[in-house]
PDB file of N, CA and C in Angstrom:
ATOM      1  N   MET A   1      28.230  14.832  14.080  1.00  0.00           N
ATOM      2  CA  MET A   1      28.197  13.374  13.988  1.00  0.00           C
ATOM      3  C   MET A   1      29.218  12.817  14.968  1.00  0.00           C
ATOM      4  N   SER A   2      28.799  11.860  15.747  1.00  0.00           N
ATOM      5  CA  SER A   2      29.695  11.285  16.748  1.00  0.00           C
ATOM      6  C   SER A   2      30.492  10.127  16.160  1.00  0.00           C
ATOM      7  N   VAL A   3      31.498   9.714  16.897  1.00  0.00           N
ATOM      8  CA  VAL A   3      32.327   8.585  16.474  1.00  0.00           C
ATOM      9  C   VAL A   3      31.487   7.307  16.445  1.00  0.00           C
ATOM     10  N   GLN A   4      30.578   7.172  17.394  1.00  0.00           N
ATOM     11  CA  GLN A   4      29.729   5.994  17.441  1.00  0.00           C
ATOM     12  C   GLN A   4      28.828   5.923  16.198  1.00  0.00           C
ATOM     13  N   HIS A   5      28.287   7.048  15.781  1.00  0.00           N
ATOM     14  CA  HIS A   5      27.457   7.111  14.579  1.00  0.00           C
ATOM     15  C   HIS A   5      28.285   6.688  13.363  1.00  0.00           C
ATOM     16  N   TRP A   6      29.501   7.191  13.270  1.00  0.00           N
ATOM     17  CA  TRP A   6      30.391   6.860  12.166  1.00  0.00           C
ATOM     18  C   TRP A   6      30.685   5.355  12.142  1.00  0.00           C
ATOM     19  N   LYS A   7      30.955   4.781  13.327  1.00  0.00           N
ATOM     20  CA  LYS A   7      31.239   3.340  13.404  1.00  0.00           C
ATOM     21  C   LYS A   7      30.026   2.513  12.992  1.00  0.00           C
ATOM     22  N   PHE A   8      28.833   2.890  13.473  1.00  0.00           N
ATOM     23  CA  PHE A   8      27.619   2.157  13.104  1.00  0.00           C
ATOM     24  C   PHE A   8      27.369   2.223  11.603  1.00  0.00           C
ATOM     25  N   GLN A   9      27.631   3.375  11.007  1.00  0.00           N
ATOM     26  CA  GLN A   9      27.423   3.511   9.571  1.00  0.00           C
ATOM     27  C   GLN A   9      28.395   2.617   8.804  1.00  0.00           C
ATOM     28  N   ARG A  10      29.625   2.542   9.236  1.00  0.00           N
ATOM     29  CA  ARG A  10      30.618   1.688   8.560  1.00  0.00           C
ATOM     30  C   ARG A  10      30.312   0.213   8.784  1.00  0.00           C
ATOM     31  N   ILE A  11      29.905  -0.142   9.995  1.00  0.00           N
ATOM     32  CA  ILE A  11      29.571  -1.549  10.282  1.00  0.00           C
ATOM     33  C   ILE A  11      28.358  -1.984   9.473  1.00  0.00           C
ATOM     34  N   SER A  12      27.366  -1.108   9.373  1.00  0.00           N
ATOM     35  CA  SER A  12      26.181  -1.473   8.586  1.00  0.00           C
ATOM     36  C   SER A  12      26.528  -1.589   7.108  1.00  0.00           C
ATOM     37  N   ALA A  13      27.452  -0.763   6.624  1.00  0.00           N
ATOM     38  CA  ALA A  13      27.878  -0.864   5.227  1.00  0.00           C
ATOM     39  C   ALA A  13      28.589  -2.186   4.973  1.00  0.00           C
ATOM     40  N   ILE A  14      29.421  -2.603   5.903  1.00  0.00           N
ATOM     41  CA  ILE A  14      30.131  -3.877   5.753  1.00  0.00           C
ATOM     42  C   ILE A  14      29.148  -5.038   5.848  1.00  0.00           C
ATOM     43  N   ALA A  15      28.196  -4.945   6.759  1.00  0.00           N
ATOM     44  CA  ALA A  15      27.191  -6.008   6.902  1.00  0.00           C
ATOM     45  C   ALA A  15      26.302  -6.097   5.671  1.00  0.00           C
ATOM     46  N   LEU A  16      26.106  -4.987   4.982  1.00  0.00           N
ATOM     47  CA  LEU A  16      25.250  -4.990   3.797  1.00  0.00           C
ATOM     48  C   LEU A  16      25.852  -5.766   2.635  1.00  0.00           C
ATOM     49  N   ILE A  17      27.164  -5.882   2.579  1.00  0.00           N
ATOM     50  CA  ILE A  17      27.798  -6.569   1.446  1.00  0.00           C
ATOM     51  C   ILE A  17      27.295  -8.001   1.318  1.00  0.00           C
ATOM     52  N   PRO A  18      27.437  -8.867   2.339  1.00  0.00           N
ATOM     53  CA  PRO A  18      26.925 -10.235   2.168  1.00  0.00           C
ATOM     54  C   PRO A  18      25.404 -10.302   2.101  1.00  0.00           C
ATOM     55  N   ILE A  19      24.730  -9.401   2.808  1.00  0.00           N
ATOM     56  CA  ILE A  19      23.261  -9.421   2.788  1.00  0.00           C
ATOM     57  C   ILE A  19      22.745  -9.089   1.394  1.00  0.00           C
ATOM     58  N   VAL A  20      23.321  -8.074   0.754  1.00  0.00           N
ATOM     59  CA  VAL A  20      22.895  -7.706  -0.598  1.00  0.00           C
ATOM     60  C   VAL A  20      23.248  -8.812  -1.588  1.00  0.00           C
ATOM     61  N   LEU A  21      24.439  -9.378  -1.475  1.00  0.00           N
ATOM     62  CA  LEU A  21      24.826 -10.461  -2.396  1.00  0.00           C
ATOM     63  C   LEU A  21      23.896 -11.661  -2.248  1.00  0.00           C
ATOM     64  N   PHE A  22      23.596 -12.047  -1.020  1.00  0.00           N
ATOM     65  CA  PHE A  22      22.699 -13.179  -0.809  1.00  0.00           C
ATOM     66  C   PHE A  22      21.289 -12.855  -1.284  1.00  0.00           C
ATOM     67  N   SER A  23      20.837 -11.623  -1.027  1.00  0.00           N
ATOM     68  CA  SER A  23      19.501 -11.221  -1.476  1.00  0.00           C
ATOM     69  C   SER A  23      19.415 -11.206  -2.998  1.00  0.00           C
ATOM     70  N   LEU A  24      20.470 -10.744  -3.655  1.00  0.00           N
ATOM     71  CA  LEU A  24      20.479 -10.771  -5.117  1.00  0.00           C
ATOM     72  C   LEU A  24      20.414 -12.200  -5.643  1.00  0.00           C
ATOM     73  N   TYR A  25      21.177 -13.097  -5.018  1.00  0.00           N
ATOM     74  CA  TYR A  25      21.123 -14.504  -5.410  1.00  0.00           C
ATOM     75  C   TYR A  25      19.704 -15.044  -5.215  1.00  0.00           C
ATOM     76  N   TYR A  26      19.090 -14.705  -4.112  1.00  0.00           N
ATOM     77  CA  TYR A  26      17.729 -15.148  -3.808  1.00  0.00           C
ATOM     78  C   TYR A  26      16.745 -14.619  -4.849  1.00  0.00           C
ATOM     79  N   ILE A  27      16.866 -13.342  -5.185  1.00  0.00           N
ATOM     80  CA  ILE A  27      15.956 -12.729  -6.158  1.00  0.00           C
ATOM     81  C   ILE A  27      16.158 -13.336  -7.545  1.00  0.00           C
ATOM     82  N   VAL A  28      17.409 -13.527  -7.943  1.00  0.00           N
ATOM     83  CA  VAL A  28      17.681 -14.118  -9.257  1.00  0.00           C
ATOM     84  C   VAL A  28      17.156 -15.541  -9.322  1.00  0.00           C
ATOM     85  N   SER A  29      17.271 -16.290  -8.234  1.00  0.00           N
ATOM     86  CA  SER A  29      16.765 -17.664  -8.237  1.00  0.00           C
ATOM     87  C   SER A  29      15.246 -17.705  -8.333  1.00  0.00           C
ATOM     88  N   LEU A  30      14.592 -16.633  -7.934  1.00  0.00           N
ATOM     89  CA  LEU A  30      13.133 -16.571  -8.021  1.00  0.00           C
ATOM     90  C   LEU A  30      12.640 -16.025  -9.364  1.00  0.00           C
ATOM     91  N   SER A  31      13.554 -15.597 -10.208  1.00  0.00           N
ATOM     92  CA  SER A  31      13.141 -14.968 -11.466  1.00  0.00           C
ATOM     93  C   SER A  31      12.549 -15.953 -12.463  1.00  0.00           C
ATOM     94  N   THR A  32      12.790 -17.237 -12.278  1.00  0.00           N
ATOM     95  CA  THR A  32      12.290 -18.224 -13.236  1.00  0.00           C
ATOM     96  C   THR A  32      11.067 -18.981 -12.745  1.00  0.00           C
ATOM     97  N   VAL A  33      10.584 -18.661 -11.570  1.00  0.00           N
ATOM     98  CA  VAL A  33       9.449 -19.397 -11.011  1.00  0.00           C
ATOM     99  C   VAL A  33       8.142 -18.682 -11.328  1.00  0.00           C
ATOM    100  N   SER A  34       7.056 -19.401 -11.168  1.00  0.00           N
ATOM    101  CA  SER A  34       5.741 -18.816 -11.425  1.00  0.00           C
ATOM    102  C   SER A  34       5.367 -17.836 -10.304  1.00  0.00           C
ATOM    103  N   TYR A  35       4.347 -17.047 -10.572  1.00  0.00           N
ATOM    104  CA  TYR A  35       3.879 -16.053  -9.608  1.00  0.00           C
ATOM    105  C   TYR A  35       3.422 -16.719  -8.309  1.00  0.00           C
ATOM    106  N   ASP A  36       2.693 -17.818  -8.427  1.00  0.00           N
ATOM    107  CA  ASP A  36       2.212 -18.510  -7.219  1.00  0.00           C
ATOM    108  C   ASP A  36       3.366 -19.018  -6.374  1.00  0.00           C
ATOM    109  N   HIS A  37       4.382 -19.573  -7.031  1.00  0.00           N
ATOM    110  CA  HIS A  37       5.557 -20.067  -6.299  1.00  0.00           C
ATOM    111  C   HIS A  37       6.305 -18.907  -5.642  1.00  0.00           C
ATOM    112  N   LEU A  38       6.372 -17.776  -6.331  1.00  0.00           N
ATOM    113  CA  LEU A  38       7.036 -16.596  -5.784  1.00  0.00           C
ATOM    114  C   LEU A  38       6.331 -16.114  -4.516  1.00  0.00           C
ATOM    115  N   ILE A  39       5.012 -16.025  -4.563  1.00  0.00           N
ATOM    116  CA  ILE A  39       4.244 -15.583  -3.392  1.00  0.00           C
ATOM    117  C   ILE A  39       4.400 -16.580  -2.243  1.00  0.00           C
ATOM    118  N   ASN A  40       4.358 -17.868  -2.553  1.00  0.00           N
ATOM    119  CA  ASN A  40       4.549 -18.885  -1.511  1.00  0.00           C
ATOM    120  C   ASN A  40       5.934 -18.797  -0.900  1.00  0.00           C
ATOM    121  N   ASP A  41       6.937 -18.532  -1.727  1.00  0.00           N
ATOM    122  CA  ASP A  41       8.295 -18.454  -1.217  1.00  0.00           C
ATOM    123  C   ASP A  41       8.492 -17.214  -0.349  1.00  0.00           C
ATOM    124  N   LEU A  42       7.943 -16.074  -0.776  1.00  0.00           N
ATOM    125  CA  LEU A  42       8.060 -14.863   0.044  1.00  0.00           C
ATOM    126  C   LEU A  42       7.271 -14.998   1.343  1.00  0.00           C
ATOM    127  N   GLY A  43       6.206 -15.783   1.331  1.00  0.00           N
ATOM    128  CA  GLY A  43       5.412 -16.004   2.530  1.00  0.00           C
ATOM    129  C   GLY A  43       6.007 -17.032   3.470  1.00  0.00           C
ATOM    130  N   SER A  44       7.031 -17.753   3.004  1.00  0.00           N
ATOM    131  CA  SER A  44       7.664 -18.756   3.864  1.00  0.00           C
ATOM    132  C   SER A  44       8.562 -18.071   4.893  1.00  0.00           C
ATOM    133  N   LEU A  45       8.994 -18.830   5.881  1.00  0.00           N
ATOM    134  CA  LEU A  45       9.850 -18.279   6.928  1.00  0.00           C
ATOM    135  C   LEU A  45      11.177 -17.789   6.347  1.00  0.00           C
ATOM    136  N   ASN A  46      11.756 -18.569   5.423  1.00  0.00           N
ATOM    137  CA  ASN A  46      13.027 -18.157   4.809  1.00  0.00           C
ATOM    138  C   ASN A  46      12.874 -16.849   4.042  1.00  0.00           C
ATOM    139  N   GLY A  47      11.825 -16.736   3.240  1.00  0.00           N
ATOM    140  CA  GLY A  47      11.596 -15.511   2.486  1.00  0.00           C
ATOM    141  C   GLY A  47      11.356 -14.322   3.404  1.00  0.00           C
ATOM    142  N   PHE A  48      10.618 -14.547   4.475  1.00  0.00           N
ATOM    143  CA  PHE A  48      10.354 -13.488   5.452  1.00  0.00           C
ATOM    144  C   PHE A  48      11.646 -13.011   6.094  1.00  0.00           C
ATOM    145  N   ILE A  49      12.489 -13.931   6.513  1.00  0.00           N
ATOM    146  CA  ILE A  49      13.744 -13.571   7.184  1.00  0.00           C
ATOM    147  C   ILE A  49      14.686 -12.856   6.234  1.00  0.00           C
ATOM    148  N   ILE A  50      14.852 -13.380   5.020  1.00  0.00           N
ATOM    149  CA  ILE A  50      15.763 -12.768   4.055  1.00  0.00           C
ATOM    150  C   ILE A  50      15.317 -11.350   3.711  1.00  0.00           C
ATOM    151  N   THR A  51      14.040 -11.191   3.400  1.00  0.00           N
ATOM    152  CA  THR A  51      13.534  -9.878   3.010  1.00  0.00           C
ATOM    153  C   THR A  51      13.550  -8.906   4.193  1.00  0.00           C
ATOM    154  N   SER A  52      13.223  -9.380   5.381  1.00  0.00           N
ATOM    155  CA  SER A  52      13.238  -8.511   6.567  1.00  0.00           C
ATOM    156  C   SER A  52      14.657  -8.041   6.892  1.00  0.00           C
ATOM    157  N   LEU A  53      15.627  -8.951   6.836  1.00  0.00           N
ATOM    158  CA  LEU A  53      17.019  -8.566   7.077  1.00  0.00           C
ATOM    159  C   LEU A  53      17.495  -7.561   6.038  1.00  0.00           C
ATOM    160  N   PHE A  54      17.204  -7.848   4.782  1.00  0.00           N
ATOM    161  CA  PHE A  54      17.614  -6.961   3.700  1.00  0.00           C
ATOM    162  C   PHE A  54      17.031  -5.565   3.895  1.00  0.00           C
ATOM    163  N   MET A  55      15.723  -5.487   4.082  1.00  0.00           N
ATOM    164  CA  MET A  55      15.074  -4.186   4.233  1.00  0.00           C
ATOM    165  C   MET A  55      15.495  -3.501   5.535  1.00  0.00           C
ATOM    166  N   GLY A  56      15.662  -4.270   6.606  1.00  0.00           N
ATOM    167  CA  GLY A  56      16.084  -3.692   7.874  1.00  0.00           C
ATOM    168  C   GLY A  56      17.444  -3.026   7.778  1.00  0.00           C
ATOM    169  N   PHE A  57      18.419  -3.730   7.193  1.00  0.00           N
ATOM    170  CA  PHE A  57      19.753  -3.149   7.074  1.00  0.00           C
ATOM    171  C   PHE A  57      19.783  -2.000   6.073  1.00  0.00           C
ATOM    172  N   ILE A  58      19.054  -2.135   4.960  1.00  0.00           N
ATOM    173  CA  ILE A  58      19.005  -1.049   3.973  1.00  0.00           C
ATOM    174  C   ILE A  58      18.401   0.215   4.605  1.00  0.00           C
ATOM    175  N   LEU A  59      17.298   0.053   5.304  1.00  0.00           N
ATOM    176  CA  LEU A  59      16.643   1.218   5.908  1.00  0.00           C
ATOM    177  C   LEU A  59      17.469   1.809   7.048  1.00  0.00           C
ATOM    178  N   PHE A  60      18.135   0.960   7.836  1.00  0.00           N
ATOM    179  CA  PHE A  60      18.994   1.450   8.911  1.00  0.00           C
ATOM    180  C   PHE A  60      20.151   2.263   8.335  1.00  0.00           C
ATOM    181  N   HIS A  61      20.798   1.717   7.324  1.00  0.00           N
ATOM    182  CA  HIS A  61      21.929   2.403   6.697  1.00  0.00           C
ATOM    183  C   HIS A  61      21.463   3.693   6.016  1.00  0.00           C
ATOM    184  N   SER A  62      20.316   3.640   5.371  1.00  0.00           N
ATOM    185  CA  SER A  62      19.749   4.824   4.724  1.00  0.00           C
ATOM    186  C   SER A  62      19.431   5.908   5.753  1.00  0.00           C
ATOM    187  N   SER A  63      18.864   5.521   6.871  1.00  0.00           N
ATOM    188  CA  SER A  63      18.532   6.478   7.920  1.00  0.00           C
ATOM    189  C   SER A  63      19.782   7.179   8.445  1.00  0.00           C
ATOM    190  N   MET A  64      20.834   6.413   8.643  1.00  0.00           N
ATOM    191  CA  MET A  64      22.073   7.008   9.141  1.00  0.00           C
ATOM    192  C   MET A  64      22.684   7.951   8.105  1.00  0.00           C
ATOM    193  N   GLY A  65      22.636   7.556   6.846  1.00  0.00           N
ATOM    194  CA  GLY A  65      23.156   8.418   5.792  1.00  0.00           C
ATOM    195  C   GLY A  65      22.352   9.696   5.648  1.00  0.00           C
ATOM    196  N   MET A  66      21.038   9.586   5.734  1.00  0.00           N
ATOM    197  CA  MET A  66      20.184  10.778   5.646  1.00  0.00           C
ATOM    198  C   MET A  66      20.454  11.729   6.808  1.00  0.00           C
ATOM    199  N   GLU A  67      20.719  11.171   7.977  1.00  0.00           N
ATOM    200  CA  GLU A  67      21.016  12.011   9.135  1.00  0.00           C
ATOM    201  C   GLU A  67      22.268  12.847   8.891  1.00  0.00           C
ATOM    202  N   VAL A  68      23.292  12.238   8.307  1.00  0.00           N
ATOM    203  CA  VAL A  68      24.528  12.971   8.017  1.00  0.00           C
ATOM    204  C   VAL A  68      24.271  14.057   6.974  1.00  0.00           C
ATOM    205  N   ILE A  69      23.507  13.727   5.932  1.00  0.00           N
ATOM    206  CA  ILE A  69      23.200  14.714   4.896  1.00  0.00           C
ATOM    207  C   ILE A  69      22.417  15.882   5.486  1.00  0.00           C
ATOM    208  N   ILE A  70      21.428  15.573   6.320  1.00  0.00           N
ATOM    209  CA  ILE A  70      20.621  16.634   6.949  1.00  0.00           C
ATOM    210  C   ILE A  70      21.499  17.515   7.831  1.00  0.00           C
ATOM    211  N   GLU A  71      22.391  16.899   8.603  1.00  0.00           N
ATOM    212  CA  GLU A  71      23.274  17.677   9.475  1.00  0.00           C
ATOM    213  C   GLU A  71      24.217  18.568   8.667  1.00  0.00           C
ATOM    214  N   ASP A  72      24.617  18.099   7.475  1.00  0.00           N
ATOM    215  CA  ASP A  72      25.535  18.892   6.649  1.00  0.00           C
ATOM    216  C   ASP A  72      24.855  20.067   5.963  1.00  0.00           C
ATOM    217  N   TYR A  73      23.598  19.917   5.573  1.00  0.00           N
ATOM    218  CA  TYR A  73      22.965  20.928   4.739  1.00  0.00           C
ATOM    219  C   TYR A  73      21.908  21.786   5.426  1.00  0.00           C
ATOM    220  N   ILE A  74      21.469  21.405   6.602  1.00  0.00           N
ATOM    221  CA  ILE A  74      20.516  22.237   7.344  1.00  0.00           C
ATOM    222  C   ILE A  74      21.258  22.804   8.554  1.00  0.00           C
ATOM    223  N   HIS A  75      21.332  24.126   8.612  1.00  0.00           N
ATOM    224  CA  HIS A  75      22.181  24.753   9.623  1.00  0.00           C
ATOM    225  C   HIS A  75      21.434  25.154  10.887  1.00  0.00           C
ATOM    226  N   SER A  76      20.134  25.300  10.817  1.00  0.00           N
ATOM    227  CA  SER A  76      19.347  25.622  12.001  1.00  0.00           C
ATOM    228  C   SER A  76      19.186  24.344  12.840  1.00  0.00           C
ATOM    229  N   GLU A  77      19.623  24.384  14.074  1.00  0.00           N
ATOM    230  CA  GLU A  77      19.602  23.174  14.902  1.00  0.00           C
ATOM    231  C   GLU A  77      18.193  22.669  15.189  1.00  0.00           C
ATOM    232  N   ASP A  78      17.256  23.580  15.403  1.00  0.00           N
ATOM    233  CA  ASP A  78      15.875  23.155  15.661  1.00  0.00           C
ATOM    234  C   ASP A  78      15.288  22.462  14.437  1.00  0.00           C
ATOM    235  N   LEU A  79      15.456  23.082  13.274  1.00  0.00           N
ATOM    236  CA  LEU A  79      14.952  22.483  12.038  1.00  0.00           C
ATOM    237  C   LEU A  79      15.669  21.169  11.755  1.00  0.00           C
ATOM    238  N   GLN A  80      16.951  21.133  12.020  1.00  0.00           N
ATOM    239  CA  GLN A  80      17.756  19.931  11.811  1.00  0.00           C
ATOM    240  C   GLN A  80      17.214  18.766  12.642  1.00  0.00           C
ATOM    241  N   LYS A  81      16.942  19.029  13.909  1.00  0.00           N
ATOM    242  CA  LYS A  81      16.414  17.977  14.786  1.00  0.00           C
ATOM    243  C   LYS A  81      15.054  17.485  14.309  1.00  0.00           C
ATOM    244  N   ASN A  82      14.203  18.422  13.873  1.00  0.00           N
ATOM    245  CA  ASN A  82      12.874  18.037  13.394  1.00  0.00           C
ATOM    246  C   ASN A  82      12.946  17.203  12.120  1.00  0.00           C
ATOM    247  N   VAL A  83      13.800  17.591  11.188  1.00  0.00           N
ATOM    248  CA  VAL A  83      13.913  16.858   9.923  1.00  0.00           C
ATOM    249  C   VAL A  83      14.540  15.484  10.167  1.00  0.00           C
ATOM    250  N   VAL A  84      15.527  15.400  11.050  1.00  0.00           N
ATOM    251  CA  VAL A  84      16.128  14.102  11.377  1.00  0.00           C
ATOM    252  C   VAL A  84      15.077  13.198  12.018  1.00  0.00           C
ATOM    253  N   SER A  85      14.269  13.746  12.905  1.00  0.00           N
ATOM    254  CA  SER A  85      13.206  12.963  13.549  1.00  0.00           C
ATOM    255  C   SER A  85      12.196  12.463  12.523  1.00  0.00           C
ATOM    256  N   LEU A  86      11.801  13.313  11.586  1.00  0.00           N
ATOM    257  CA  LEU A  86      10.878  12.892  10.530  1.00  0.00           C
ATOM    258  C   LEU A  86      11.482  11.814   9.653  1.00  0.00           C
ATOM    259  N   SER A  87      12.764  11.948   9.345  1.00  0.00           N
ATOM    260  CA  SER A  87      13.452  10.949   8.531  1.00  0.00           C
ATOM    261  C   SER A  87      13.490   9.597   9.244  1.00  0.00           C
ATOM    262  N   LYS A  88      13.831   9.619  10.526  1.00  0.00           N
ATOM    263  CA  LYS A  88      13.860   8.369  11.293  1.00  0.00           C
ATOM    264  C   LYS A  88      12.473   7.751  11.397  1.00  0.00           C
ATOM    265  N   LEU A  89      11.457   8.590  11.574  1.00  0.00           N
ATOM    266  CA  LEU A  89      10.089   8.098  11.630  1.00  0.00           C
ATOM    267  C   LEU A  89       9.698   7.453  10.304  1.00  0.00           C
ATOM    268  N   PHE A  90      10.032   8.090   9.193  1.00  0.00           N
ATOM    269  CA  PHE A  90       9.751   7.541   7.869  1.00  0.00           C
ATOM    270  C   PHE A  90      10.419   6.179   7.689  1.00  0.00           C
ATOM    271  N   HIS A  91      11.683   6.066   8.084  1.00  0.00           N
ATOM    272  CA  HIS A  91      12.401   4.796   7.940  1.00  0.00           C
ATOM    273  C   HIS A  91      11.798   3.719   8.839  1.00  0.00           C
ATOM    274  N   LEU A  92      11.416   4.081  10.044  1.00  0.00           N
ATOM    275  CA  LEU A  92      10.813   3.123  10.964  1.00  0.00           C
ATOM    276  C   LEU A  92       9.456   2.645  10.451  1.00  0.00           C
ATOM    277  N   ILE A  93       8.639   3.560   9.971  1.00  0.00           N
ATOM    278  CA  ILE A  93       7.342   3.186   9.405  1.00  0.00           C
ATOM    279  C   ILE A  93       7.535   2.282   8.188  1.00  0.00           C
ATOM    280  N   SER A  94       8.514   2.599   7.355  1.00  0.00           N
ATOM    281  CA  SER A  94       8.790   1.777   6.172  1.00  0.00           C
ATOM    282  C   SER A  94       9.161   0.352   6.568  1.00  0.00           C
ATOM    283  N   PHE A  95       9.974   0.217   7.625  1.00  0.00           N
ATOM    284  CA  PHE A  95      10.366  -1.117   8.066  1.00  0.00           C
ATOM    285  C   PHE A  95       9.157  -1.896   8.587  1.00  0.00           C
ATOM    286  N   PHE A  96       8.344  -1.252   9.416  1.00  0.00           N
ATOM    287  CA  PHE A  96       7.176  -1.948   9.963  1.00  0.00           C
ATOM    288  C   PHE A  96       6.152  -2.274   8.890  1.00  0.00           C
ATOM    289  N   LEU A  97       6.008  -1.412   7.893  1.00  0.00           N
ATOM    290  CA  LEU A  97       5.124  -1.737   6.775  1.00  0.00           C
ATOM    291  C   LEU A  97       5.645  -2.949   6.000  1.00  0.00           C
ATOM    292  N   THR A  98       6.958  -3.033   5.848  1.00  0.00           N
ATOM    293  CA  THR A  98       7.557  -4.205   5.189  1.00  0.00           C
ATOM    294  C   THR A  98       7.222  -5.474   5.962  1.00  0.00           C
ATOM    295  N   ILE A  99       7.368  -5.435   7.276  1.00  0.00           N
ATOM    296  CA  ILE A  99       7.067  -6.604   8.111  1.00  0.00           C
ATOM    297  C   ILE A  99       5.577  -6.966   8.014  1.00  0.00           C
ATOM    298  N   ILE A 100       4.708  -5.966   8.076  1.00  0.00           N
ATOM    299  CA  ILE A 100       3.270  -6.221   8.003  1.00  0.00           C
ATOM    300  C   ILE A 100       2.894  -6.827   6.655  1.00  0.00           C
ATOM    301  N   ILE A 101       3.439  -6.274   5.587  1.00  0.00           N
ATOM    302  CA  ILE A 101       3.127  -6.798   4.257  1.00  0.00           C
ATOM    303  C   ILE A 101       3.632  -8.215   4.099  1.00  0.00           C
ATOM    304  N   LEU A 102       4.846  -8.489   4.560  1.00  0.00           N
ATOM    305  CA  LEU A 102       5.381  -9.858   4.453  1.00  0.00           C
ATOM    306  C   LEU A 102       4.582 -10.831   5.313  1.00  0.00           C
ATOM    307  N   ALA A 103       4.157 -10.387   6.471  1.00  0.00           N
ATOM    308  CA  ALA A 103       3.392 -11.257   7.366  1.00  0.00           C
ATOM    309  C   ALA A 103       1.998 -11.562   6.800  1.00  0.00           C
ATOM    310  N   SER A 104       1.505 -10.664   5.951  1.00  0.00           N
ATOM    311  CA  SER A 104       0.154 -10.884   5.401  1.00  0.00           C
ATOM    312  C   SER A 104       0.157 -11.784   4.168  1.00  0.00           C
ATOM    313  N   ILE A 105       1.331 -12.112   3.665  1.00  0.00           N
ATOM    314  CA  ILE A 105       1.401 -12.976   2.471  1.00  0.00           C
ATOM    315  C   ILE A 105       1.103 -14.414   2.877  1.00  0.00           C
TER     316      ILE A 105
END
């Protein structure tokens, strides 16, 4: 793991604090509304941006954490590279699926 990877992981963790707090506030404020209002709100620009930022940072931070775990527990370098690549692909697909689903609302 490089110093740059370590810094990005710490910066993303710090950035997640306000994003998670704001997202929790957003989710709690939506807990009392009807289903139709919830769908309309998630389909709005604000809902799209909040959810995309939340999922983007969560998946980015998760990807970096998984990379460290894979590097620690898989000792074969070839297998390590393949599993890290699959993990990054999974996280990237998850993010794009989130965007597609939000855009279709």
